[in-house]
Amino acid sequence: MVIYGIFVILGGFIGYLQAKSRASLIAGGISGAVLLVSGILMLQGTAEAAYLALLVAVTLTGLFARRFAGKRKFMPSGLMLSLSLLMVLVLIVRLFGPRS
């Protein structure tokens, strides 16, 4: 989750540099920071942090799915959609999968 958070922050920064999109910078910074904190808390054993990370990942999956459907370009929306969907699946398995 920490690495995913870093990717989200970098994506927001790149969106700002390429398109001068303040919205990308702010949204990427906030959601990436939440994912970073959630990831750190998950590593420390805080189970509730996984639910917050799941909420952010689902939200980002929806956002990037909409953008990808509109532009049909893999970069950057397709890549971020793929990463977000992967994180959603990992978190669902972690939260709701079989317990050992």
PDB file of N, CA and C in Angstrom:
ATOM      1  N   MET A   1       0.827  -1.189   0.000  1.00  0.00           N
ATOM      2  CA  MET A   1       0.000   0.000   0.000  1.00  0.00           C
ATOM      3  C   MET A   1       0.877   1.261   0.000  1.00  0.00           C
ATOM      4  N   VAL A   2       1.998   1.184   0.652  1.00  0.00           N
ATOM      5  CA  VAL A   2       2.899   2.335   0.695  1.00  0.00           C
ATOM      6  C   VAL A   2       3.397   2.675  -0.708  1.00  0.00           C
ATOM      7  N   ILE A   3       3.770   1.662  -1.465  1.00  0.00           N
ATOM      8  CA  ILE A   3       4.271   1.895  -2.828  1.00  0.00           C
ATOM      9  C   ILE A   3       3.154   2.451  -3.707  1.00  0.00           C
ATOM     10  N   TYR A   4       1.962   1.920  -3.565  1.00  0.00           N
ATOM     11  CA  TYR A   4       0.809   2.429  -4.312  1.00  0.00           C
ATOM     12  C   TYR A   4       0.565   3.901  -3.958  1.00  0.00           C
ATOM     13  N   GLY A   5       0.668   4.260  -2.693  1.00  0.00           N
ATOM     14  CA  GLY A   5       0.509   5.649  -2.266  1.00  0.00           C
ATOM     15  C   GLY A   5       1.539   6.556  -2.921  1.00  0.00           C
ATOM     16  N   ILE A   6       2.759   6.073  -3.029  1.00  0.00           N
ATOM     17  CA  ILE A   6       3.817   6.853  -3.682  1.00  0.00           C
ATOM     18  C   ILE A   6       3.500   7.046  -5.164  1.00  0.00           C
ATOM     19  N   PHE A   7       3.019   5.984  -5.820  1.00  0.00           N
ATOM     20  CA  PHE A   7       2.620   6.095  -7.225  1.00  0.00           C
ATOM     21  C   PHE A   7       1.506   7.111  -7.412  1.00  0.00           C
ATOM     22  N   VAL A   8       0.542   7.126  -6.507  1.00  0.00           N
ATOM     23  CA  VAL A   8      -0.575   8.069  -6.609  1.00  0.00           C
ATOM     24  C   VAL A   8      -0.076   9.506  -6.446  1.00  0.00           C
ATOM     25  N   ILE A   9       0.799   9.724  -5.498  1.00  0.00           N
ATOM     26  CA  ILE A   9       1.369  11.066  -5.308  1.00  0.00           C
ATOM     27  C   ILE A   9       2.155  11.495  -6.540  1.00  0.00           C
ATOM     28  N   LEU A  10       3.004  10.598  -7.058  1.00  0.00           N
ATOM     29  CA  LEU A  10       3.782  10.914  -8.255  1.00  0.00           C
ATOM     30  C   LEU A  10       2.881  11.168  -9.452  1.00  0.00           C
ATOM     31  N   GLY A  11       1.814  10.390  -9.572  1.00  0.00           N
ATOM     32  CA  GLY A  11       0.866  10.591 -10.664  1.00  0.00           C
ATOM     33  C   GLY A  11       0.211  11.955 -10.607  1.00  0.00           C
ATOM     34  N   GLY A  12      -0.160  12.394  -9.412  1.00  0.00           N
ATOM     35  CA  GLY A  12      -0.738  13.719  -9.251  1.00  0.00           C
ATOM     36  C   GLY A  12       0.250  14.812  -9.621  1.00  0.00           C
ATOM     37  N   PHE A  13       1.504  14.611  -9.245  1.00  0.00           N
ATOM     38  CA  PHE A  13       2.543  15.587  -9.561  1.00  0.00           C
ATOM     39  C   PHE A  13       2.804  15.639 -11.066  1.00  0.00           C
ATOM     40  N   ILE A  14       2.850  14.475 -11.703  1.00  0.00           N
ATOM     41  CA  ILE A  14       3.062  14.425 -13.150  1.00  0.00           C
ATOM     42  C   ILE A  14       1.879  15.061 -13.884  1.00  0.00           C
ATOM     43  N   GLY A  15       0.661  14.805 -13.389  1.00  0.00           N
ATOM     44  CA  GLY A  15      -0.523  15.439 -13.976  1.00  0.00           C
ATOM     45  C   GLY A  15      -0.444  16.949 -13.900  1.00  0.00           C
ATOM     46  N   TYR A  16       0.098  17.442 -12.801  1.00  0.00           N
ATOM     47  CA  TYR A  16       0.270  18.885 -12.650  1.00  0.00           C
ATOM     48  C   TYR A  16       1.317  19.412 -13.636  1.00  0.00           C
ATOM     49  N   LEU A  17       2.430  18.703 -13.747  1.00  0.00           N
ATOM     50  CA  LEU A  17       3.494  19.155 -14.643  1.00  0.00           C
ATOM     51  C   LEU A  17       3.061  19.127 -16.107  1.00  0.00           C
ATOM     52  N   GLN A  18       2.352  18.076 -16.518  1.00  0.00           N
ATOM     53  CA  GLN A  18       1.983  17.933 -17.924  1.00  0.00           C
ATOM     54  C   GLN A  18       0.803  18.807 -18.318  1.00  0.00           C
ATOM     55  N   ALA A  19      -0.229  18.842 -17.473  1.00  0.00           N
ATOM     56  CA  ALA A  19      -1.469  19.527 -17.860  1.00  0.00           C
ATOM     57  C   ALA A  19      -1.746  20.766 -17.016  1.00  0.00           C
ATOM     58  N   LYS A  20      -0.809  21.103 -16.135  1.00  0.00           N
ATOM     59  CA  LYS A  20      -1.009  22.228 -15.208  1.00  0.00           C
ATOM     60  C   LYS A  20      -2.319  22.062 -14.413  1.00  0.00           C
ATOM     61  N   SER A  21      -2.609  20.802 -14.078  1.00  0.00           N
ATOM     62  CA  SER A  21      -3.842  20.474 -13.376  1.00  0.00           C
ATOM     63  C   SER A  21      -3.620  20.513 -11.864  1.00  0.00           C
ATOM     64  N   ARG A  22      -4.103  21.586 -11.248  1.00  0.00           N
ATOM     65  CA  ARG A  22      -4.021  21.667  -9.785  1.00  0.00           C
ATOM     66  C   ARG A  22      -4.860  20.580  -9.133  1.00  0.00           C
ATOM     67  N   ALA A  23      -5.980  20.235  -9.783  1.00  0.00           N
ATOM     68  CA  ALA A  23      -6.855  19.190  -9.247  1.00  0.00           C
ATOM     69  C   ALA A  23      -6.096  17.861  -9.130  1.00  0.00           C
ATOM     70  N   SER A  24      -5.290  17.522 -10.135  1.00  0.00           N
ATOM     71  CA  SER A  24      -4.488  16.294 -10.086  1.00  0.00           C
ATOM     72  C   SER A  24      -3.482  16.352  -8.947  1.00  0.00           C
ATOM     73  N   LEU A  25      -2.849  17.497  -8.799  1.00  0.00           N
ATOM     74  CA  LEU A  25      -1.857  17.654  -7.741  1.00  0.00           C
ATOM     75  C   LEU A  25      -2.490  17.508  -6.362  1.00  0.00           C
ATOM     76  N   ILE A  26      -3.603  18.165  -6.144  1.00  0.00           N
ATOM     77  CA  ILE A  26      -4.268  18.125  -4.833  1.00  0.00           C
ATOM     78  C   ILE A  26      -4.853  16.745  -4.564  1.00  0.00           C
ATOM     79  N   ALA A  27      -5.608  16.217  -5.531  1.00  0.00           N
ATOM     80  CA  ALA A  27      -6.238  14.904  -5.338  1.00  0.00           C
ATOM     81  C   ALA A  27      -5.201  13.800  -5.193  1.00  0.00           C
ATOM     82  N   GLY A  28      -4.158  13.852  -6.025  1.00  0.00           N
ATOM     83  CA  GLY A  28      -3.091  12.855  -5.923  1.00  0.00           C
ATOM     84  C   GLY A  28      -2.347  12.956  -4.604  1.00  0.00           C
ATOM     85  N   GLY A  29      -2.098  14.185  -4.160  1.00  0.00           N
ATOM     86  CA  GLY A  29      -1.400  14.379  -2.890  1.00  0.00           C
ATOM     87  C   GLY A  29      -2.205  13.895  -1.703  1.00  0.00           C
ATOM     88  N   ILE A  30      -3.484  14.243  -1.676  1.00  0.00           N
ATOM     89  CA  ILE A  30      -4.324  13.848  -0.542  1.00  0.00           C
ATOM     90  C   ILE A  30      -4.563  12.344  -0.530  1.00  0.00           C
ATOM     91  N   SER A  31      -4.997  11.796  -1.672  1.00  0.00           N
ATOM     92  CA  SER A  31      -5.284  10.361  -1.682  1.00  0.00           C
ATOM     93  C   SER A  31      -4.005   9.545  -1.501  1.00  0.00           C
ATOM     94  N   GLY A  32      -2.903   9.991  -2.078  1.00  0.00           N
ATOM     95  CA  GLY A  32      -1.636   9.295  -1.882  1.00  0.00           C
ATOM     96  C   GLY A  32      -1.173   9.334  -0.436  1.00  0.00           C
ATOM     97  N   ALA A  33      -1.347  10.487   0.225  1.00  0.00           N
ATOM     98  CA  ALA A  33      -0.965  10.592   1.640  1.00  0.00           C
ATOM     99  C   ALA A  33      -1.822   9.674   2.514  1.00  0.00           C
ATOM    100  N   VAL A  34      -3.115   9.607   2.206  1.00  0.00           N
ATOM    101  CA  VAL A  34      -3.997   8.711   2.961  1.00  0.00           C
ATOM    102  C   VAL A  34      -3.556   7.257   2.765  1.00  0.00           C
ATOM    103  N   LEU A  35      -3.203   6.913   1.533  1.00  0.00           N
ATOM    104  CA  LEU A  35      -2.738   5.550   1.260  1.00  0.00           C
ATOM    105  C   LEU A  35      -1.406   5.259   1.954  1.00  0.00           C
ATOM    106  N   LEU A  36      -0.517   6.234   1.977  1.00  0.00           N
ATOM    107  CA  LEU A  36       0.754   6.056   2.688  1.00  0.00           C
ATOM    108  C   LEU A  36       0.528   5.803   4.175  1.00  0.00           C
ATOM    109  N   VAL A  37      -0.282   6.635   4.786  1.00  0.00           N
ATOM    110  CA  VAL A  37      -0.567   6.479   6.218  1.00  0.00           C
ATOM    111  C   VAL A  37      -1.266   5.150   6.473  1.00  0.00           C
ATOM    112  N   SER A  38      -2.231   4.809   5.615  1.00  0.00           N
ATOM    113  CA  SER A  38      -2.933   3.531   5.764  1.00  0.00           C
ATOM    114  C   SER A  38      -1.956   2.368   5.655  1.00  0.00           C
ATOM    115  N   GLY A  39      -1.057   2.440   4.677  1.00  0.00           N
ATOM    116  CA  GLY A  39      -0.070   1.384   4.499  1.00  0.00           C
ATOM    117  C   GLY A  39       0.835   1.229   5.706  1.00  0.00           C
ATOM    118  N   ILE A  40       1.280   2.330   6.254  1.00  0.00           N
ATOM    119  CA  ILE A  40       2.136   2.285   7.449  1.00  0.00           C
ATOM    120  C   ILE A  40       1.367   1.697   8.623  1.00  0.00           C
ATOM    121  N   LEU A  41       0.120   2.124   8.798  1.00  0.00           N
ATOM    122  CA  LEU A  41      -0.693   1.584   9.893  1.00  0.00           C
ATOM    123  C   LEU A  41      -0.988   0.102   9.691  1.00  0.00           C
ATOM    124  N   MET A  42      -1.180  -0.312   8.440  1.00  0.00           N
ATOM    125  CA  MET A  42      -1.398  -1.733   8.167  1.00  0.00           C
ATOM    126  C   MET A  42      -0.161  -2.547   8.541  1.00  0.00           C
ATOM    127  N   LEU A  43       1.021  -2.017   8.237  1.00  0.00           N
ATOM    128  CA  LEU A  43       2.264  -2.705   8.597  1.00  0.00           C
ATOM    129  C   LEU A  43       2.429  -2.822  10.111  1.00  0.00           C
ATOM    130  N   GLN A  44       1.829  -1.883  10.842  1.00  0.00           N
ATOM    131  CA  GLN A  44       1.889  -1.907  12.305  1.00  0.00           C
ATOM    132  C   GLN A  44       0.777  -2.759  12.912  1.00  0.00           C
ATOM    133  N   GLY A  45      -0.082  -3.316  12.062  1.00  0.00           N
ATOM    134  CA  GLY A  45      -1.115  -4.218  12.548  1.00  0.00           C
ATOM    135  C   GLY A  45      -2.482  -3.598  12.764  1.00  0.00           C
ATOM    136  N   THR A  46      -2.707  -2.389  12.297  1.00  0.00           N
ATOM    137  CA  THR A  46      -4.004  -1.735  12.459  1.00  0.00           C
ATOM    138  C   THR A  46      -4.924  -2.190  11.325  1.00  0.00           C
ATOM    139  N   ALA A  47      -5.867  -3.068  11.637  1.00  0.00           N
ATOM    140  CA  ALA A  47      -6.744  -3.656  10.625  1.00  0.00           C
ATOM    141  C   ALA A  47      -7.663  -2.617   9.994  1.00  0.00           C
ATOM    142  N   GLU A  48      -8.113  -1.636  10.763  1.00  0.00           N
ATOM    143  CA  GLU A  48      -9.038  -0.625  10.247  1.00  0.00           C
ATOM    144  C   GLU A  48      -8.436   0.183   9.102  1.00  0.00           C
ATOM    145  N   ALA A  49      -7.127   0.304   9.082  1.00  0.00           N
ATOM    146  CA  ALA A  49      -6.456   1.068   8.026  1.00  0.00           C
ATOM    147  C   ALA A  49      -6.686   0.432   6.661  1.00  0.00           C
ATOM    148  N   ALA A  50      -6.862  -0.879   6.617  1.00  0.00           N
ATOM    149  CA  ALA A  50      -7.109  -1.566   5.354  1.00  0.00           C
ATOM    150  C   ALA A  50      -8.463  -1.156   4.774  1.00  0.00           C
ATOM    151  N   TYR A  51      -9.452  -0.907   5.631  1.00  0.00           N
ATOM    152  CA  TYR A  51     -10.758  -0.460   5.148  1.00  0.00           C
ATOM    153  C   TYR A  51     -10.668   0.938   4.539  1.00  0.00           C
ATOM    154  N   LEU A  52      -9.895   1.807   5.142  1.00  0.00           N
ATOM    155  CA  LEU A  52      -9.696   3.149   4.587  1.00  0.00           C
ATOM    156  C   LEU A  52      -8.968   3.068   3.254  1.00  0.00           C
ATOM    157  N   ALA A  53      -7.928   2.236   3.190  1.00  0.00           N
ATOM    158  CA  ALA A  53      -7.195   2.061   1.939  1.00  0.00           C
ATOM    159  C   ALA A  53      -8.111   1.486   0.856  1.00  0.00           C
ATOM    160  N   LEU A  54      -8.982   0.564   1.233  1.00  0.00           N
ATOM    161  CA  LEU A  54      -9.928  -0.008   0.274  1.00  0.00           C
ATOM    162  C   LEU A  54     -10.873   1.062  -0.260  1.00  0.00           C
ATOM    163  N   LEU A  55     -11.362   1.903   0.608  1.00  0.00           N
ATOM    164  CA  LEU A  55     -12.254   2.986   0.182  1.00  0.00           C
ATOM    165  C   LEU A  55     -11.560   3.903  -0.827  1.00  0.00           C
ATOM    166  N   VAL A  56     -10.339   4.289  -0.539  1.00  0.00           N
ATOM    167  CA  VAL A  56      -9.586   5.169  -1.452  1.00  0.00           C
ATOM    168  C   VAL A  56      -9.301   4.446  -2.769  1.00  0.00           C
ATOM    169  N   ALA A  57      -8.899   3.181  -2.705  1.00  0.00           N
ATOM    170  CA  ALA A  57      -8.580   2.426  -3.916  1.00  0.00           C
ATOM    171  C   ALA A  57      -9.815   2.228  -4.795  1.00  0.00           C
ATOM    172  N   VAL A  58     -10.969   1.961  -4.181  1.00  0.00           N
ATOM    173  CA  VAL A  58     -12.209   1.821  -4.952  1.00  0.00           C
ATOM    174  C   VAL A  58     -12.568   3.149  -5.620  1.00  0.00           C
ATOM    175  N   THR A  59     -12.422   4.232  -4.883  1.00  0.00           N
ATOM    176  CA  THR A  59     -12.702   5.557  -5.438  1.00  0.00           C
ATOM    177  C   THR A  59     -11.790   5.863  -6.618  1.00  0.00           C
ATOM    178  N   LEU A  60     -10.512   5.581  -6.465  1.00  0.00           N
ATOM    179  CA  LEU A  60      -9.563   5.829  -7.554  1.00  0.00           C
ATOM    180  C   LEU A  60      -9.826   4.902  -8.742  1.00  0.00           C
ATOM    181  N   THR A  61     -10.239   3.667  -8.468  1.00  0.00           N
ATOM    182  CA  THR A  61     -10.578   2.745  -9.555  1.00  0.00           C
ATOM    183  C   THR A  61     -11.719   3.322 -10.382  1.00  0.00           C
ATOM    184  N   GLY A  62     -12.749   3.827  -9.720  1.00  0.00           N
ATOM    185  CA  GLY A  62     -13.872   4.437 -10.433  1.00  0.00           C
ATOM    186  C   GLY A  62     -13.454   5.653 -11.234  1.00  0.00           C
ATOM    187  N   LEU A  63     -12.651   6.505 -10.637  1.00  0.00           N
ATOM    188  CA  LEU A  63     -12.186   7.715 -11.310  1.00  0.00           C
ATOM    189  C   LEU A  63     -11.382   7.380 -12.560  1.00  0.00           C
ATOM    190  N   PHE A  64     -10.414   6.478 -12.411  1.00  0.00           N
ATOM    191  CA  PHE A  64      -9.563   6.154 -13.558  1.00  0.00           C
ATOM    192  C   PHE A  64     -10.291   5.309 -14.592  1.00  0.00           C
ATOM    193  N   ALA A  65     -11.279   4.522 -14.193  1.00  0.00           N
ATOM    194  CA  ALA A  65     -12.091   3.775 -15.164  1.00  0.00           C
ATOM    195  C   ALA A  65     -12.868   4.752 -16.043  1.00  0.00           C
ATOM    196  N   ARG A  66     -13.428   5.779 -15.421  1.00  0.00           N
ATOM    197  CA  ARG A  66     -14.169   6.792 -16.175  1.00  0.00           C
ATOM    198  C   ARG A  66     -13.240   7.539 -17.139  1.00  0.00           C
ATOM    199  N   ARG A  67     -12.063   7.900 -16.662  1.00  0.00           N
ATOM    200  CA  ARG A  67     -11.109   8.610 -17.533  1.00  0.00           C
ATOM    201  C   ARG A  67     -10.622   7.723 -18.675  1.00  0.00           C
ATOM    202  N   PHE A  68     -10.343   6.462 -18.359  1.00  0.00           N
ATOM    203  CA  PHE A  68      -9.863   5.540 -19.393  1.00  0.00           C
ATOM    204  C   PHE A  68     -10.953   5.287 -20.433  1.00  0.00           C
ATOM    205  N   ALA A  69     -12.189   5.149 -20.000  1.00  0.00           N
ATOM    206  CA  ALA A  69     -13.307   4.926 -20.925  1.00  0.00           C
ATOM    207  C   ALA A  69     -13.478   6.121 -21.864  1.00  0.00           C
ATOM    208  N   GLY A  70     -13.189   7.314 -21.368  1.00  0.00           N
ATOM    209  CA  GLY A  70     -13.351   8.507 -22.187  1.00  0.00           C
ATOM    210  C   GLY A  70     -12.236   8.701 -23.190  1.00  0.00           C
ATOM    211  N   LYS A  71     -10.995   8.450 -22.796  1.00  0.00           N
ATOM    212  CA  LYS A  71      -9.859   8.763 -23.670  1.00  0.00           C
ATOM    213  C   LYS A  71      -9.246   7.540 -24.339  1.00  0.00           C
ATOM    214  N   ARG A  72      -9.426   6.364 -23.763  1.00  0.00           N
ATOM    215  CA  ARG A  72      -8.879   5.113 -24.294  1.00  0.00           C
ATOM    216  C   ARG A  72      -7.361   5.131 -24.461  1.00  0.00           C
ATOM    217  N   LYS A  73      -6.681   5.872 -23.587  1.00  0.00           N
ATOM    218  CA  LYS A  73      -5.226   5.888 -23.605  1.00  0.00           C
ATOM    219  C   LYS A  73      -4.728   5.194 -22.349  1.00  0.00           C
ATOM    220  N   PHE A  74      -3.742   4.300 -22.534  1.00  0.00           N
ATOM    221  CA  PHE A  74      -3.244   3.558 -21.379  1.00  0.00           C
ATOM    222  C   PHE A  74      -2.524   4.477 -20.397  1.00  0.00           C
ATOM    223  N   MET A  75      -1.794   5.437 -20.911  1.00  0.00           N
ATOM    224  CA  MET A  75      -1.056   6.340 -20.025  1.00  0.00           C
ATOM    225  C   MET A  75      -1.783   7.663 -19.913  1.00  0.00           C
ATOM    226  N   PRO A  76      -2.046   8.130 -18.745  1.00  0.00           N
ATOM    227  CA  PRO A  76      -1.781   7.519 -17.444  1.00  0.00           C
ATOM    228  C   PRO A  76      -2.988   6.778 -16.863  1.00  0.00           C
ATOM    229  N   SER A  77      -4.177   7.023 -17.432  1.00  0.00           N
ATOM    230  CA  SER A  77      -5.384   6.492 -16.786  1.00  0.00           C
ATOM    231  C   SER A  77      -5.457   4.972 -16.800  1.00  0.00           C
ATOM    232  N   GLY A  78      -5.025   4.321 -17.870  1.00  0.00           N
ATOM    233  CA  GLY A  78      -5.059   2.857 -17.926  1.00  0.00           C
ATOM    234  C   GLY A  78      -4.119   2.224 -16.925  1.00  0.00           C
ATOM    235  N   LEU A  79      -2.934   2.805 -16.782  1.00  0.00           N
ATOM    236  CA  LEU A  79      -1.968   2.298 -15.808  1.00  0.00           C
ATOM    237  C   LEU A  79      -2.503   2.452 -14.388  1.00  0.00           C
ATOM    238  N   MET A  80      -3.014   3.631 -14.081  1.00  0.00           N
ATOM    239  CA  MET A  80      -3.528   3.863 -12.729  1.00  0.00           C
ATOM    240  C   MET A  80      -4.786   3.029 -12.459  1.00  0.00           C
ATOM    241  N   LEU A  81      -5.593   2.811 -13.490  1.00  0.00           N
ATOM    242  CA  LEU A  81      -6.753   1.932 -13.350  1.00  0.00           C
ATOM    243  C   LEU A  81      -6.295   0.518 -13.014  1.00  0.00           C
ATOM    244  N   SER A  82      -5.288   0.030 -13.707  1.00  0.00           N
ATOM    245  CA  SER A  82      -4.765  -1.314 -13.456  1.00  0.00           C
ATOM    246  C   SER A  82      -4.210  -1.439 -12.040  1.00  0.00           C
ATOM    247  N   LEU A  83      -3.409  -0.469 -11.629  1.00  0.00           N
ATOM    248  CA  LEU A  83      -2.841  -0.494 -10.275  1.00  0.00           C
ATOM    249  C   LEU A  83      -3.924  -0.402  -9.205  1.00  0.00           C
ATOM    250  N   SER A  84      -4.901   0.458  -9.428  1.00  0.00           N
ATOM    251  CA  SER A  84      -5.972   0.639  -8.448  1.00  0.00           C
ATOM    252  C   SER A  84      -6.814  -0.622  -8.323  1.00  0.00           C
ATOM    253  N   LEU A  85      -7.139  -1.229  -9.456  1.00  0.00           N
ATOM    254  CA  LEU A  85      -7.920  -2.458  -9.439  1.00  0.00           C
ATOM    255  C   LEU A  85      -7.154  -3.582  -8.748  1.00  0.00           C
ATOM    256  N   LEU A  86      -5.860  -3.668  -9.006  1.00  0.00           N
ATOM    257  CA  LEU A  86      -5.029  -4.667  -8.336  1.00  0.00           C
ATOM    258  C   LEU A  86      -5.045  -4.458  -6.822  1.00  0.00           C
ATOM    259  N   MET A  87      -4.927  -3.213  -6.384  1.00  0.00           N
ATOM    260  CA  MET A  87      -4.945  -2.924  -4.948  1.00  0.00           C
ATOM    261  C   MET A  87      -6.297  -3.251  -4.326  1.00  0.00           C
ATOM    262  N   VAL A  88      -7.381  -2.980  -5.050  1.00  0.00           N
ATOM    263  CA  VAL A  88      -8.711  -3.338  -4.548  1.00  0.00           C
ATOM    264  C   VAL A  88      -8.787  -4.845  -4.340  1.00  0.00           C
ATOM    265  N   LEU A  89      -8.326  -5.607  -5.313  1.00  0.00           N
ATOM    266  CA  LEU A  89      -8.375  -7.066  -5.193  1.00  0.00           C
ATOM    267  C   LEU A  89      -7.511  -7.569  -4.034  1.00  0.00           C
ATOM    268  N   VAL A  90      -6.312  -7.022  -3.903  1.00  0.00           N
ATOM    269  CA  VAL A  90      -5.422  -7.422  -2.800  1.00  0.00           C
ATOM    270  C   VAL A  90      -6.073  -7.110  -1.449  1.00  0.00           C
ATOM    271  N   LEU A  91      -6.670  -5.946  -1.332  1.00  0.00           N
ATOM    272  CA  LEU A  91      -7.299  -5.557  -0.067  1.00  0.00           C
ATOM    273  C   LEU A  91      -8.537  -6.397   0.240  1.00  0.00           C
ATOM    274  N   ILE A  92      -9.318  -6.727  -0.781  1.00  0.00           N
ATOM    275  CA  ILE A  92     -10.491  -7.577  -0.561  1.00  0.00           C
ATOM    276  C   ILE A  92     -10.065  -8.949  -0.061  1.00  0.00           C
ATOM    277  N   VAL A  93      -9.036  -9.517  -0.680  1.00  0.00           N
ATOM    278  CA  VAL A  93      -8.538 -10.819  -0.216  1.00  0.00           C
ATOM    279  C   VAL A  93      -8.012 -10.712   1.205  1.00  0.00           C
ATOM    280  N   ARG A  94      -7.295  -9.650   1.484  1.00  0.00           N
ATOM    281  CA  ARG A  94      -6.754  -9.459   2.844  1.00  0.00           C
ATOM    282  C   ARG A  94      -7.861  -9.308   3.886  1.00  0.00           C
ATOM    283  N   LEU A  95      -8.871  -8.557   3.549  1.00  0.00           N
ATOM    284  CA  LEU A  95      -9.941  -8.286   4.518  1.00  0.00           C
ATOM    285  C   LEU A  95     -10.983  -9.385   4.626  1.00  0.00           C
ATOM    286  N   PHE A  96     -11.318 -10.009   3.493  1.00  0.00           N
ATOM    287  CA  PHE A  96     -12.451 -10.923   3.481  1.00  0.00           C
ATOM    288  C   PHE A  96     -12.084 -12.340   3.070  1.00  0.00           C
ATOM    289  N   GLY A  97     -10.806 -12.584   2.779  1.00  0.00           N
ATOM    290  CA  GLY A  97     -10.371 -13.916   2.338  1.00  0.00           C
ATOM    291  C   GLY A  97     -10.318 -14.880   3.506  1.00  0.00           C
ATOM    292  N   PRO A  98      -9.973 -16.110   3.194  1.00  0.00           N
ATOM    293  CA  PRO A  98      -9.901 -17.138   4.244  1.00  0.00           C
ATOM    294  C   PRO A  98      -8.836 -16.790   5.291  1.00  0.00           C
ATOM    295  N   ARG A  99      -9.188 -17.051   6.503  1.00  0.00           N
ATOM    296  CA  ARG A  99      -8.252 -16.818   7.630  1.00  0.00           C
ATOM    297  C   ARG A  99      -7.459 -18.081   7.872  1.00  0.00           C
ATOM    298  N   SER A 100      -6.167 -17.917   8.134  1.00  0.00           N
ATOM    299  CA  SER A 100      -5.347 -19.102   8.398  1.00  0.00           C
ATOM    300  C   SER A 100      -5.069 -19.276   9.869  1.00  0.00           C
TER     301      SER A 100
END
